Amino acid sequence: MTAGSGGGAGLLPDRHPTADFFICDIFDATPKGDLGSMEHPIFSLSTRPDRRVLSYEHNGTTVEVTPSVKGRATIHDKDILIYCVSQLMAALNMGRAVSRQLTLKAHDLLVATNRDTSGDGYARLREAFERLAGTRITTNLETGGIETTRGFGLIEAWEIVRRSRGGRMVSVSVTLSDWLYRAVLSKSVLTLSRDYFRLRKPLERRIYELVRKHCGRQSSWTVSVTVLHKKAGSTAPLRVFRAALRRMIQDANLPDYDMSEAPGDRMVFERQGQVVAPGNGPVLSESALEAARGLMPGADVHALAADWRAFWDSTGRVALQSPDKAFLGWVRSRRA
């Protein structure tokens, strides 16, 4: 009797070929941040419960963030979303099926985001889930080529799936907002340095996000302190914010970027190791950049090109008959 015939033998049809949840099991997934929340000040920079409603408008984009009684989700709470986005992107690049609902191991999340794995670490993780679920956003922000004005939570739902005997959460189920999930599917994300999770100060994390977003396609980014203050979402007076930026220059903690002050109350951020000035290195065609996108989905190909030119410079500026082929060969070696 063949499968599918009567008599009770054989297999039932596969009614659910795509699971309705995704199990996070790619421990070394490269950290990824979504472009929307990197560009706009959604998360609180305060270390105390922030219950103020944030209203923000810039270049036609409006964002209103309403906290719950627990307070607005913080920039450190965002670690959870970065971990989820990283897992989903790694799975997509491997050709695996994904969904908005993820099941993750709490210990893996804590380790991957450089967090404490003590009992207090698990308690703080639960508090972060509560703030993420309680923070509501109303915006016309575009993700995946779609602009909608709508309200949603940063995560739609979460639940502790299992607890260990000692009371620590072992497994957690998270349902991402459709807004964030669309950003993943459209690969509207950027790779972050793993050292991002080592930054202690909320403002350092926020500034790194902005610099990563704006320096991705160029060797440097110059911005006025006033604009940076607005984009960072800082509630400190401008003079206090400026002083904090100057301390950041002295501390030099930003991964991958050098920071300096320029005349006219401006800040300059430059990619570290950017030894080849724009236009002085081998010229790459748009088709080569497009091919690089196919080889490393989700990667910033302009940042890749800058890294490759720096590599070319460090190896003696060898004459290249085909810069495109050399670049794509280098990209393949990095992918491996």
C-alpha atoms as a PDB file:
ATOM      1  CA  MET A   1       0.000   0.000   0.000  1.00  0.00           C
ATOM      2  CA  THR A   2       1.445   3.364  -0.954  1.00  0.00           C
ATOM      3  CA  ALA A   3       1.661   6.400   1.269  1.00  0.00           C
ATOM      4  CA  GLY A   4      -1.522   8.417   1.080  1.00  0.00           C
ATOM      5  CA  SER A   5      -3.819   5.473   0.264  1.00  0.00           C
ATOM      6  CA  GLY A   6      -6.574   4.301   2.587  1.00  0.00           C
ATOM      7  CA  GLY A   7      -6.480   1.674   5.307  1.00  0.00           C
ATOM      8  CA  GLY A   8      -4.615   3.705   7.906  1.00  0.00           C
ATOM      9  CA  ALA A   9      -1.138   2.908   6.527  1.00  0.00           C
ATOM     10  CA  GLY A  10       1.460   5.364   5.252  1.00  0.00           C
ATOM     11  CA  LEU A  11       1.945   9.010   6.254  1.00  0.00           C
ATOM     12  CA  LEU A  12      -0.479  11.814   6.755  1.00  0.00           C
ATOM     13  CA  PRO A  13       0.058  14.821   4.507  1.00  0.00           C
ATOM     14  CA  ASP A  14       2.469  17.460   5.778  1.00  0.00           C
ATOM     15  CA  ARG A  15      -0.052  20.087   6.836  1.00  0.00           C
ATOM     16  CA  HIS A  16       2.577  22.478   8.181  1.00  0.00           C
ATOM     17  CA  PRO A  17       5.617  22.447   5.894  1.00  0.00           C
ATOM     18  CA  THR A  18       6.746  25.747   7.424  1.00  0.00           C
ATOM     19  CA  ALA A  19       6.784  25.777  11.214  1.00  0.00           C
ATOM     20  CA  ASP A  20       4.929  28.602  12.911  1.00  0.00           C
ATOM     21  CA  PHE A  21       7.976  29.371  15.046  1.00  0.00           C
ATOM     22  CA  PHE A  22      11.715  29.593  14.547  1.00  0.00           C
ATOM     23  CA  ILE A  23      14.184  28.020  16.998  1.00  0.00           C
ATOM     24  CA  CYS A  24      17.267  30.167  17.575  1.00  0.00           C
ATOM     25  CA  ASP A  25      20.247  27.833  17.381  1.00  0.00           C
ATOM     26  CA  ILE A  26      22.915  29.782  15.471  1.00  0.00           C
ATOM     27  CA  PHE A  27      25.096  30.798  18.379  1.00  0.00           C
ATOM     28  CA  ASP A  28      27.759  32.712  16.452  1.00  0.00           C
ATOM     29  CA  ALA A  29      25.365  34.718  14.261  1.00  0.00           C
ATOM     30  CA  THR A  30      26.826  38.102  13.297  1.00  0.00           C
ATOM     31  CA  PRO A  31      25.123  40.951  15.207  1.00  0.00           C
ATOM     32  CA  LYS A  32      22.662  42.862  13.028  1.00  0.00           C
ATOM     33  CA  GLY A  33      20.658  46.018  13.685  1.00  0.00           C
ATOM     34  CA  ASP A  34      17.584  47.172  11.775  1.00  0.00           C
ATOM     35  CA  LEU A  35      17.974  50.462   9.912  1.00  0.00           C
ATOM     36  CA  GLY A  36      14.769  52.027  11.252  1.00  0.00           C
ATOM     37  CA  SER A  37      15.640  51.970  14.932  1.00  0.00           C
ATOM     38  CA  MET A  38      19.286  52.790  14.174  1.00  0.00           C
ATOM     39  CA  GLU A  39      18.250  55.992  12.410  1.00  0.00           C
ATOM     40  CA  HIS A  40      15.516  57.190  14.776  1.00  0.00           C
ATOM     41  CA  PRO A  41      15.521  57.593  18.600  1.00  0.00           C
ATOM     42  CA  ILE A  42      13.072  54.900  19.669  1.00  0.00           C
ATOM     43  CA  PHE A  43      14.887  53.618  22.753  1.00  0.00           C
ATOM     44  CA  SER A  44      15.454  55.460  26.012  1.00  0.00           C
ATOM     45  CA  LEU A  45      18.981  56.476  26.987  1.00  0.00           C
ATOM     46  CA  SER A  46      18.022  56.765  30.644  1.00  0.00           C
ATOM     47  CA  THR A  47      19.179  54.300  33.286  1.00  0.00           C
ATOM     48  CA  ARG A  48      16.030  55.014  35.304  1.00  0.00           C
ATOM     49  CA  PRO A  49      12.425  54.222  34.316  1.00  0.00           C
ATOM     50  CA  ASP A  50      11.553  56.681  31.548  1.00  0.00           C
ATOM     51  CA  ARG A  51       7.786  57.225  31.391  1.00  0.00           C
ATOM     52  CA  ARG A  52       7.796  60.289  29.160  1.00  0.00           C
ATOM     53  CA  VAL A  53       6.118  60.184  25.753  1.00  0.00           C
ATOM     54  CA  LEU A  54       8.667  60.874  23.024  1.00  0.00           C
ATOM     55  CA  SER A  55       7.618  62.748  19.880  1.00  0.00           C
ATOM     56  CA  TYR A  56      10.138  63.003  17.045  1.00  0.00           C
ATOM     57  CA  GLU A  57      10.005  64.347  13.475  1.00  0.00           C
ATOM     58  CA  HIS A  58      12.812  64.465  10.933  1.00  0.00           C
ATOM     59  CA  ASN A  59      12.674  64.793   7.144  1.00  0.00           C
ATOM     60  CA  GLY A  60       9.041  63.709   6.955  1.00  0.00           C
ATOM     61  CA  THR A  61       9.355  60.769   9.342  1.00  0.00           C
ATOM     62  CA  THR A  62       7.328  60.985  12.530  1.00  0.00           C
ATOM     63  CA  VAL A  63       7.773  58.755  15.561  1.00  0.00           C
ATOM     64  CA  GLU A  64       5.804  58.829  18.805  1.00  0.00           C
ATOM     65  CA  VAL A  65       6.904  56.403  21.516  1.00  0.00           C
ATOM     66  CA  THR A  66       4.580  55.777  24.451  1.00  0.00           C
ATOM     67  CA  PRO A  67       5.982  53.837  27.420  1.00  0.00           C
ATOM     68  CA  SER A  68       4.106  51.545  29.769  1.00  0.00           C
ATOM     69  CA  VAL A  69       4.089  51.938  33.547  1.00  0.00           C
ATOM     70  CA  LYS A  70       7.335  49.941  33.484  1.00  0.00           C
ATOM     71  CA  GLY A  71       8.975  52.697  31.430  1.00  0.00           C
ATOM     72  CA  ARG A  72      10.154  53.009  27.844  1.00  0.00           C
ATOM     73  CA  ALA A  73      12.344  50.243  26.418  1.00  0.00           C
ATOM     74  CA  THR A  74      16.003  51.157  26.839  1.00  0.00           C
ATOM     75  CA  ILE A  75      18.940  50.984  24.460  1.00  0.00           C
ATOM     76  CA  HIS A  76      20.197  47.994  26.498  1.00  0.00           C
ATOM     77  CA  ASP A  77      16.810  46.261  26.098  1.00  0.00           C
ATOM     78  CA  LYS A  78      17.434  46.493  22.373  1.00  0.00           C
ATOM     79  CA  ASP A  79      20.051  43.738  22.758  1.00  0.00           C
ATOM     80  CA  ILE A  80      17.169  41.255  22.615  1.00  0.00           C
ATOM     81  CA  LEU A  81      15.977  42.582  19.265  1.00  0.00           C
ATOM     82  CA  ILE A  82      19.523  42.627  17.863  1.00  0.00           C
ATOM     83  CA  TYR A  83      19.914  38.983  18.887  1.00  0.00           C
ATOM     84  CA  CYS A  84      16.600  38.023  17.273  1.00  0.00           C
ATOM     85  CA  VAL A  85      17.346  39.938  14.063  1.00  0.00           C
ATOM     86  CA  SER A  86      20.821  38.374  13.912  1.00  0.00           C
ATOM     87  CA  GLN A  87      19.401  34.873  14.248  1.00  0.00           C
ATOM     88  CA  LEU A  88      16.786  35.462  11.574  1.00  0.00           C
ATOM     89  CA  MET A  89      19.268  36.974   9.117  1.00  0.00           C
ATOM     90  CA  ALA A  90      21.720  34.101   9.616  1.00  0.00           C
ATOM     91  CA  ALA A  91      18.904  31.607   8.996  1.00  0.00           C
ATOM     92  CA  LEU A  92      17.742  33.436   5.855  1.00  0.00           C
ATOM     93  CA  ASN A  93      21.291  33.448   4.498  1.00  0.00           C
ATOM     94  CA  MET A  94      21.390  29.679   5.072  1.00  0.00           C
ATOM     95  CA  GLY A  95      18.125  29.210   3.178  1.00  0.00           C
ATOM     96  CA  ARG A  96      16.142  28.216   6.239  1.00  0.00           C
ATOM     97  CA  ALA A  97      12.495  29.038   6.915  1.00  0.00           C
ATOM     98  CA  VAL A  98      11.850  31.765   9.492  1.00  0.00           C
ATOM     99  CA  SER A  99       8.841  33.345  11.171  1.00  0.00           C
ATOM    100  CA  ARG A 100       7.924  36.199  13.494  1.00  0.00           C
ATOM    101  CA  GLN A 101       7.777  33.851  16.474  1.00  0.00           C
ATOM    102  CA  LEU A 102      11.157  32.761  17.775  1.00  0.00           C
ATOM    103  CA  THR A 103      12.050  30.328  20.527  1.00  0.00           C
ATOM    104  CA  LEU A 104      15.400  31.147  22.080  1.00  0.00           C
ATOM    105  CA  LYS A 105      17.603  29.904  24.886  1.00  0.00           C
ATOM    106  CA  ALA A 106      17.922  32.604  27.508  1.00  0.00           C
ATOM    107  CA  HIS A 107      21.498  31.614  28.364  1.00  0.00           C
ATOM    108  CA  ASP A 108      22.610  31.886  24.726  1.00  0.00           C
ATOM    109  CA  LEU A 109      21.066  35.343  24.440  1.00  0.00           C
ATOM    110  CA  LEU A 110      22.836  36.525  27.606  1.00  0.00           C
ATOM    111  CA  VAL A 111      26.198  35.178  26.452  1.00  0.00           C
ATOM    112  CA  ALA A 112      25.894  36.485  22.879  1.00  0.00           C
ATOM    113  CA  THR A 113      25.051  39.990  24.119  1.00  0.00           C
ATOM    114  CA  ASN A 114      27.801  40.009  26.748  1.00  0.00           C
ATOM    115  CA  ARG A 115      25.388  39.974  29.692  1.00  0.00           C
ATOM    116  CA  ASP A 116      25.686  38.565  33.181  1.00  0.00           C
ATOM    117  CA  THR A 117      24.386  34.973  33.484  1.00  0.00           C
ATOM    118  CA  SER A 118      23.715  35.156  37.221  1.00  0.00           C
ATOM    119  CA  GLY A 119      20.209  35.090  38.692  1.00  0.00           C
ATOM    120  CA  ASP A 120      20.116  38.895  38.480  1.00  0.00           C
ATOM    121  CA  GLY A 121      20.936  38.651  34.773  1.00  0.00           C
ATOM    122  CA  TYR A 122      17.850  36.514  34.152  1.00  0.00           C
ATOM    123  CA  ALA A 123      15.690  38.848  36.248  1.00  0.00           C
ATOM    124  CA  ARG A 124      16.872  41.868  34.237  1.00  0.00           C
ATOM    125  CA  LEU A 125      16.162  39.944  31.051  1.00  0.00           C
ATOM    126  CA  ARG A 126      12.552  39.443  32.090  1.00  0.00           C
ATOM    127  CA  GLU A 127      12.236  43.160  32.892  1.00  0.00           C
ATOM    128  CA  ALA A 128      13.586  43.973  29.434  1.00  0.00           C
ATOM    129  CA  PHE A 129      10.938  41.767  27.800  1.00  0.00           C
ATOM    130  CA  GLU A 130       8.243  43.586  29.775  1.00  0.00           C
ATOM    131  CA  ARG A 131       9.465  47.025  28.670  1.00  0.00           C
ATOM    132  CA  LEU A 132       9.807  45.930  25.033  1.00  0.00           C
ATOM    133  CA  ALA A 133       6.266  44.548  24.982  1.00  0.00           C
ATOM    134  CA  GLY A 134       4.837  47.559  26.809  1.00  0.00           C
ATOM    135  CA  THR A 135       6.467  50.269  24.686  1.00  0.00           C
ATOM    136  CA  ARG A 136       4.114  51.375  21.915  1.00  0.00           C
ATOM    137  CA  ILE A 137       5.178  53.151  18.724  1.00  0.00           C
ATOM    138  CA  THR A 138       3.107  55.209  16.308  1.00  0.00           C
ATOM    139  CA  THR A 139       5.022  56.056  13.144  1.00  0.00           C
ATOM    140  CA  ASN A 140       4.992  56.381   9.378  1.00  0.00           C
ATOM    141  CA  LEU A 141       8.437  54.775   9.238  1.00  0.00           C
ATOM    142  CA  GLU A 142       9.039  52.726   6.094  1.00  0.00           C
ATOM    143  CA  THR A 143      10.265  49.130   6.294  1.00  0.00           C
ATOM    144  CA  GLY A 144      10.614  46.789   3.356  1.00  0.00           C
ATOM    145  CA  GLY A 145       9.544  49.484   0.903  1.00  0.00           C
ATOM    146  CA  ILE A 146       6.167  49.968   2.605  1.00  0.00           C
ATOM    147  CA  GLU A 147       5.172  53.160   4.414  1.00  0.00           C
ATOM    148  CA  THR A 148       2.348  52.833   6.890  1.00  0.00           C
ATOM    149  CA  THR A 149       1.174  54.952   9.787  1.00  0.00           C
ATOM    150  CA  ARG A 150       0.321  52.549  12.548  1.00  0.00           C
ATOM    151  CA  GLY A 151       0.805  51.714  16.191  1.00  0.00           C
ATOM    152  CA  PHE A 152       2.569  48.616  17.463  1.00  0.00           C
ATOM    153  CA  GLY A 153       4.779  47.251  20.203  1.00  0.00           C
ATOM    154  CA  LEU A 154       8.452  46.527  19.722  1.00  0.00           C
ATOM    155  CA  ILE A 155       7.585  42.906  20.370  1.00  0.00           C
ATOM    156  CA  GLU A 156       4.063  41.588  20.049  1.00  0.00           C
ATOM    157  CA  ALA A 157       4.268  38.940  22.757  1.00  0.00           C
ATOM    158  CA  TRP A 158       6.657  36.903  24.871  1.00  0.00           C
ATOM    159  CA  GLU A 159       6.394  34.040  27.284  1.00  0.00           C
ATOM    160  CA  ILE A 160       8.703  31.910  29.376  1.00  0.00           C
ATOM    161  CA  VAL A 161       8.457  28.446  27.874  1.00  0.00           C
ATOM    162  CA  ARG A 162      10.361  26.565  30.584  1.00  0.00           C
ATOM    163  CA  ARG A 163      12.006  27.278  33.921  1.00  0.00           C
ATOM    164  CA  SER A 164      14.834  25.403  35.555  1.00  0.00           C
ATOM    165  CA  ARG A 165      14.492  24.044  39.084  1.00  0.00           C
ATOM    166  CA  GLY A 166      16.372  27.044  40.391  1.00  0.00           C
ATOM    167  CA  GLY A 167      13.731  29.360  38.943  1.00  0.00           C
ATOM    168  CA  ARG A 168      15.793  30.722  36.054  1.00  0.00           C
ATOM    169  CA  MET A 169      14.154  30.968  32.656  1.00  0.00           C
ATOM    170  CA  VAL A 170      15.586  28.412  30.249  1.00  0.00           C
ATOM    171  CA  SER A 171      13.629  29.001  27.048  1.00  0.00           C
ATOM    172  CA  VAL A 172      11.635  32.016  25.919  1.00  0.00           C
ATOM    173  CA  SER A 173       9.210  32.478  23.029  1.00  0.00           C
ATOM    174  CA  VAL A 174       9.185  35.923  21.400  1.00  0.00           C
ATOM    175  CA  THR A 175       6.846  37.250  18.712  1.00  0.00           C
ATOM    176  CA  LEU A 176       8.364  40.217  16.881  1.00  0.00           C
ATOM    177  CA  SER A 177       6.283  43.093  15.572  1.00  0.00           C
ATOM    178  CA  ASP A 178       5.338  42.854  11.912  1.00  0.00           C
ATOM    179  CA  TRP A 179       7.213  46.137  11.390  1.00  0.00           C
ATOM    180  CA  LEU A 180      10.500  44.691  12.614  1.00  0.00           C
ATOM    181  CA  TYR A 181       9.946  41.362  10.847  1.00  0.00           C
ATOM    182  CA  ARG A 182       9.438  43.174   7.511  1.00  0.00           C
ATOM    183  CA  ALA A 183      12.783  44.888   8.037  1.00  0.00           C
ATOM    184  CA  VAL A 184      14.416  41.469   8.380  1.00  0.00           C
ATOM    185  CA  LEU A 185      12.729  39.998   5.310  1.00  0.00           C
ATOM    186  CA  SER A 186      13.733  43.015   3.209  1.00  0.00           C
ATOM    187  CA  LYS A 187      17.258  42.807   4.693  1.00  0.00           C
ATOM    188  CA  SER A 188      17.070  46.410   5.872  1.00  0.00           C
ATOM    189  CA  VAL A 189      19.787  45.702   8.417  1.00  0.00           C
ATOM    190  CA  LEU A 190      23.445  46.502   9.046  1.00  0.00           C
ATOM    191  CA  THR A 191      26.181  44.448  10.661  1.00  0.00           C
ATOM    192  CA  LEU A 192      27.289  45.664  14.092  1.00  0.00           C
ATOM    193  CA  SER A 193      30.601  45.174  15.830  1.00  0.00           C
ATOM    194  CA  ARG A 194      30.484  42.576  18.610  1.00  0.00           C
ATOM    195  CA  ASP A 195      32.153  45.199  20.764  1.00  0.00           C
ATOM    196  CA  TYR A 196      28.880  47.126  20.642  1.00  0.00           C
ATOM    197  CA  PHE A 197      27.716  44.918  23.526  1.00  0.00           C
ATOM    198  CA  ARG A 198      30.748  46.018  25.551  1.00  0.00           C
ATOM    199  CA  LEU A 199      29.773  49.700  25.489  1.00  0.00           C
ATOM    200  CA  ARG A 200      28.602  50.630  28.980  1.00  0.00           C
ATOM    201  CA  LYS A 201      27.067  54.052  28.436  1.00  0.00           C
ATOM    202  CA  PRO A 202      23.701  54.301  26.652  1.00  0.00           C
ATOM    203  CA  LEU A 203      24.837  57.391  24.737  1.00  0.00           C
ATOM    204  CA  GLU A 204      27.905  55.539  23.408  1.00  0.00           C
ATOM    205  CA  ARG A 205      25.656  52.794  22.044  1.00  0.00           C
ATOM    206  CA  ARG A 206      23.306  55.280  20.446  1.00  0.00           C
ATOM    207  CA  ILE A 207      26.098  57.296  18.853  1.00  0.00           C
ATOM    208  CA  TYR A 208      27.676  54.102  17.499  1.00  0.00           C
ATOM    209  CA  GLU A 209      24.365  53.143  15.863  1.00  0.00           C
ATOM    210  CA  LEU A 210      24.099  56.508  14.157  1.00  0.00           C
ATOM    211  CA  VAL A 211      27.707  56.493  12.996  1.00  0.00           C
ATOM    212  CA  ARG A 212      27.407  52.926  11.694  1.00  0.00           C
ATOM    213  CA  LYS A 213      24.291  53.932   9.774  1.00  0.00           C
ATOM    214  CA  HIS A 214      25.782  57.094   8.225  1.00  0.00           C
ATOM    215  CA  CYS A 215      29.386  55.991   7.674  1.00  0.00           C
ATOM    216  CA  GLY A 216      28.433  52.752   5.970  1.00  0.00           C
ATOM    217  CA  ARG A 217      28.664  54.326   2.491  1.00  0.00           C
ATOM    218  CA  GLN A 218      31.503  56.737   3.109  1.00  0.00           C
ATOM    219  CA  SER A 219      34.831  57.034   4.893  1.00  0.00           C
ATOM    220  CA  SER A 220      33.653  59.734   7.305  1.00  0.00           C
ATOM    221  CA  TRP A 221      30.574  61.521   8.581  1.00  0.00           C
ATOM    222  CA  THR A 222      30.401  65.118   9.765  1.00  0.00           C
ATOM    223  CA  VAL A 223      27.338  66.282  11.665  1.00  0.00           C
ATOM    224  CA  SER A 224      26.407  69.312  13.745  1.00  0.00           C
ATOM    225  CA  VAL A 225      26.059  68.788  17.478  1.00  0.00           C
ATOM    226  CA  THR A 226      22.498  70.134  17.258  1.00  0.00           C
ATOM    227  CA  VAL A 227      21.418  67.546  14.688  1.00  0.00           C
ATOM    228  CA  LEU A 228      23.260  64.771  16.532  1.00  0.00           C
ATOM    229  CA  HIS A 229      21.488  65.781  19.745  1.00  0.00           C
ATOM    230  CA  LYS A 230      18.128  65.444  18.019  1.00  0.00           C
ATOM    231  CA  LYS A 231      18.900  62.168  16.247  1.00  0.00           C
ATOM    232  CA  ALA A 232      20.337  60.617  19.403  1.00  0.00           C
ATOM    233  CA  GLY A 233      17.122  61.337  21.293  1.00  0.00           C
ATOM    234  CA  SER A 234      18.995  62.787  24.241  1.00  0.00           C
ATOM    235  CA  THR A 235      16.917  64.686  26.795  1.00  0.00           C
ATOM    236  CA  ALA A 236      19.994  66.385  28.285  1.00  0.00           C
ATOM    237  CA  PRO A 237      20.523  70.107  27.620  1.00  0.00           C
ATOM    238  CA  LEU A 238      22.650  70.762  24.563  1.00  0.00           C
ATOM    239  CA  ARG A 239      25.633  71.940  26.625  1.00  0.00           C
ATOM    240  CA  VAL A 240      25.541  68.755  28.718  1.00  0.00           C
ATOM    241  CA  PHE A 241      25.226  66.640  25.567  1.00  0.00           C
ATOM    242  CA  ARG A 242      28.201  68.443  24.012  1.00  0.00           C
ATOM    243  CA  ALA A 243      30.279  67.780  27.129  1.00  0.00           C
ATOM    244  CA  ALA A 244      29.330  64.085  26.975  1.00  0.00           C
ATOM    245  CA  LEU A 245      30.503  63.929  23.354  1.00  0.00           C
ATOM    246  CA  ARG A 246      33.836  65.454  24.338  1.00  0.00           C
ATOM    247  CA  ARG A 247      34.237  62.788  27.027  1.00  0.00           C
ATOM    248  CA  MET A 248      33.542  60.169  24.359  1.00  0.00           C
ATOM    249  CA  ILE A 249      36.368  61.624  22.263  1.00  0.00           C
ATOM    250  CA  GLN A 250      38.726  61.278  25.232  1.00  0.00           C
ATOM    251  CA  ASP A 251      37.565  57.743  26.077  1.00  0.00           C
ATOM    252  CA  ALA A 252      37.781  56.582  22.418  1.00  0.00           C
ATOM    253  CA  ASN A 253      35.515  53.578  23.018  1.00  0.00           C
ATOM    254  CA  LEU A 254      33.578  53.568  19.744  1.00  0.00           C
ATOM    255  CA  PRO A 255      34.273  50.340  17.829  1.00  0.00           C
ATOM    256  CA  ASP A 256      35.652  50.813  14.294  1.00  0.00           C
ATOM    257  CA  TYR A 257      35.437  54.633  14.305  1.00  0.00           C
ATOM    258  CA  ASP A 258      37.539  57.599  15.386  1.00  0.00           C
ATOM    259  CA  MET A 259      35.710  60.637  16.731  1.00  0.00           C
ATOM    260  CA  SER A 260      36.872  64.262  16.758  1.00  0.00           C
ATOM    261  CA  GLU A 261      35.521  67.786  17.097  1.00  0.00           C
ATOM    262  CA  ALA A 262      35.489  70.219  14.173  1.00  0.00           C
ATOM    263  CA  PRO A 263      34.988  73.997  13.941  1.00  0.00           C
ATOM    264  CA  GLY A 264      31.401  75.208  13.776  1.00  0.00           C
ATOM    265  CA  ASP A 265      30.190  72.997  16.645  1.00  0.00           C
ATOM    266  CA  ARG A 266      30.417  69.818  14.581  1.00  0.00           C
ATOM    267  CA  MET A 267      31.542  66.243  15.197  1.00  0.00           C
ATOM    268  CA  VAL A 268      33.538  64.139  12.729  1.00  0.00           C
ATOM    269  CA  PHE A 269      33.501  60.337  12.691  1.00  0.00           C
ATOM    270  CA  GLU A 270      36.016  58.457  10.540  1.00  0.00           C
ATOM    271  CA  ARG A 271      36.335  54.765   9.820  1.00  0.00           C
ATOM    272  CA  GLN A 272      39.424  53.325  11.470  1.00  0.00           C
ATOM    273  CA  GLY A 273      41.987  51.982   9.010  1.00  0.00           C
ATOM    274  CA  GLN A 274      40.524  54.019   6.146  1.00  0.00           C
ATOM    275  CA  VAL A 275      43.933  54.529   4.555  1.00  0.00           C
ATOM    276  CA  VAL A 276      42.677  54.897   0.997  1.00  0.00           C
ATOM    277  CA  ALA A 277      40.923  58.175   0.286  1.00  0.00           C
ATOM    278  CA  PRO A 278      37.643  57.882  -1.637  1.00  0.00           C
ATOM    279  CA  GLY A 279      38.345  57.880  -5.359  1.00  0.00           C
ATOM    280  CA  ASN A 280      42.038  56.959  -4.974  1.00  0.00           C
ATOM    281  CA  GLY A 281      41.545  53.201  -4.895  1.00  0.00           C
ATOM    282  CA  PRO A 282      40.469  50.753  -7.605  1.00  0.00           C
ATOM    283  CA  VAL A 283      37.118  51.669  -9.137  1.00  0.00           C
ATOM    284  CA  LEU A 284      34.368  49.054  -8.814  1.00  0.00           C
ATOM    285  CA  SER A 285      31.383  48.740 -11.113  1.00  0.00           C
ATOM    286  CA  GLU A 286      27.791  48.732  -9.892  1.00  0.00           C
ATOM    287  CA  SER A 287      27.449  45.166 -11.182  1.00  0.00           C
ATOM    288  CA  ALA A 288      30.318  44.103  -8.892  1.00  0.00           C
ATOM    289  CA  LEU A 289      28.637  45.727  -5.903  1.00  0.00           C
ATOM    290  CA  GLU A 290      25.379  44.012  -6.810  1.00  0.00           C
ATOM    291  CA  ALA A 291      27.186  40.680  -7.086  1.00  0.00           C
ATOM    292  CA  ALA A 292      28.703  41.290  -3.631  1.00  0.00           C
ATOM    293  CA  ARG A 293      25.186  41.788  -2.258  1.00  0.00           C
ATOM    294  CA  GLY A 294      24.295  38.375  -3.586  1.00  0.00           C
ATOM    295  CA  LEU A 295      27.385  36.800  -2.021  1.00  0.00           C
ATOM    296  CA  MET A 296      26.824  38.415   1.389  1.00  0.00           C
ATOM    297  CA  PRO A 297      23.110  39.237   1.751  1.00  0.00           C
ATOM    298  CA  GLY A 298      22.448  41.927   4.313  1.00  0.00           C
ATOM    299  CA  ALA A 299      26.019  43.260   4.250  1.00  0.00           C
ATOM    300  CA  ASP A 300      26.795  46.912   3.503  1.00  0.00           C
ATOM    301  CA  VAL A 301      28.617  46.512   0.182  1.00  0.00           C
ATOM    302  CA  HIS A 302      30.034  50.029   0.294  1.00  0.00           C
ATOM    303  CA  ALA A 303      31.636  49.272   3.646  1.00  0.00           C
ATOM    304  CA  LEU A 304      32.937  46.017   2.157  1.00  0.00           C
ATOM    305  CA  ALA A 305      34.415  47.950  -0.751  1.00  0.00           C
ATOM    306  CA  ALA A 306      36.131  50.359   1.640  1.00  0.00           C
ATOM    307  CA  ASP A 307      37.586  47.436   3.634  1.00  0.00           C
ATOM    308  CA  TRP A 308      38.791  45.797   0.423  1.00  0.00           C
ATOM    309  CA  ARG A 309      40.504  48.986  -0.766  1.00  0.00           C
ATOM    310  CA  ALA A 310      42.227  49.233   2.624  1.00  0.00           C
ATOM    311  CA  PHE A 311      43.369  45.605   2.209  1.00  0.00           C
ATOM    312  CA  TRP A 312      44.593  46.384  -1.321  1.00  0.00           C
ATOM    313  CA  ASP A 313      46.541  49.359   0.032  1.00  0.00           C
ATOM    314  CA  SER A 314      48.089  47.342   2.878  1.00  0.00           C
ATOM    315  CA  THR A 315      49.294  44.632   0.466  1.00  0.00           C
ATOM    316  CA  GLY A 316      51.267  47.017  -1.727  1.00  0.00           C
ATOM    317  CA  ARG A 317      48.692  48.484  -4.119  1.00  0.00           C
ATOM    318  CA  VAL A 318      49.238  45.735  -6.669  1.00  0.00           C
ATOM    319  CA  ALA A 319      48.157  46.657 -10.202  1.00  0.00           C
ATOM    320  CA  LEU A 320      44.839  44.967 -10.950  1.00  0.00           C
ATOM    321  CA  GLN A 321      43.709  43.955 -14.420  1.00  0.00           C
ATOM    322  CA  SER A 322      40.176  43.397 -13.128  1.00  0.00           C
ATOM    323  CA  PRO A 323      39.346  45.175  -9.847  1.00  0.00           C
ATOM    324  CA  ASP A 324      35.833  43.684  -9.947  1.00  0.00           C
ATOM    325  CA  LYS A 325      37.136  40.103 -10.009  1.00  0.00           C
ATOM    326  CA  ALA A 326      39.691  40.826  -7.290  1.00  0.00           C
ATOM    327  CA  PHE A 327      37.043  42.408  -5.089  1.00  0.00           C
ATOM    328  CA  LEU A 328      34.554  39.567  -5.529  1.00  0.00           C
ATOM    329  CA  GLY A 329      37.269  36.999  -4.841  1.00  0.00           C
ATOM    330  CA  TRP A 330      38.076  38.819  -1.595  1.00  0.00           C
ATOM    331  CA  VAL A 331      34.376  38.877  -0.668  1.00  0.00           C
ATOM    332  CA  ARG A 332      34.141  35.103  -1.255  1.00  0.00           C
ATOM    333  CA  SER A 333      37.141  34.530   0.987  1.00  0.00           C
ATOM    334  CA  ARG A 334      35.487  36.530   3.769  1.00  0.00           C
ATOM    335  CA  ARG A 335      32.232  34.662   3.351  1.00  0.00           C
ATOM    336  CA  ALA A 336      34.057  31.375   3.806  1.00  0.00           C
END
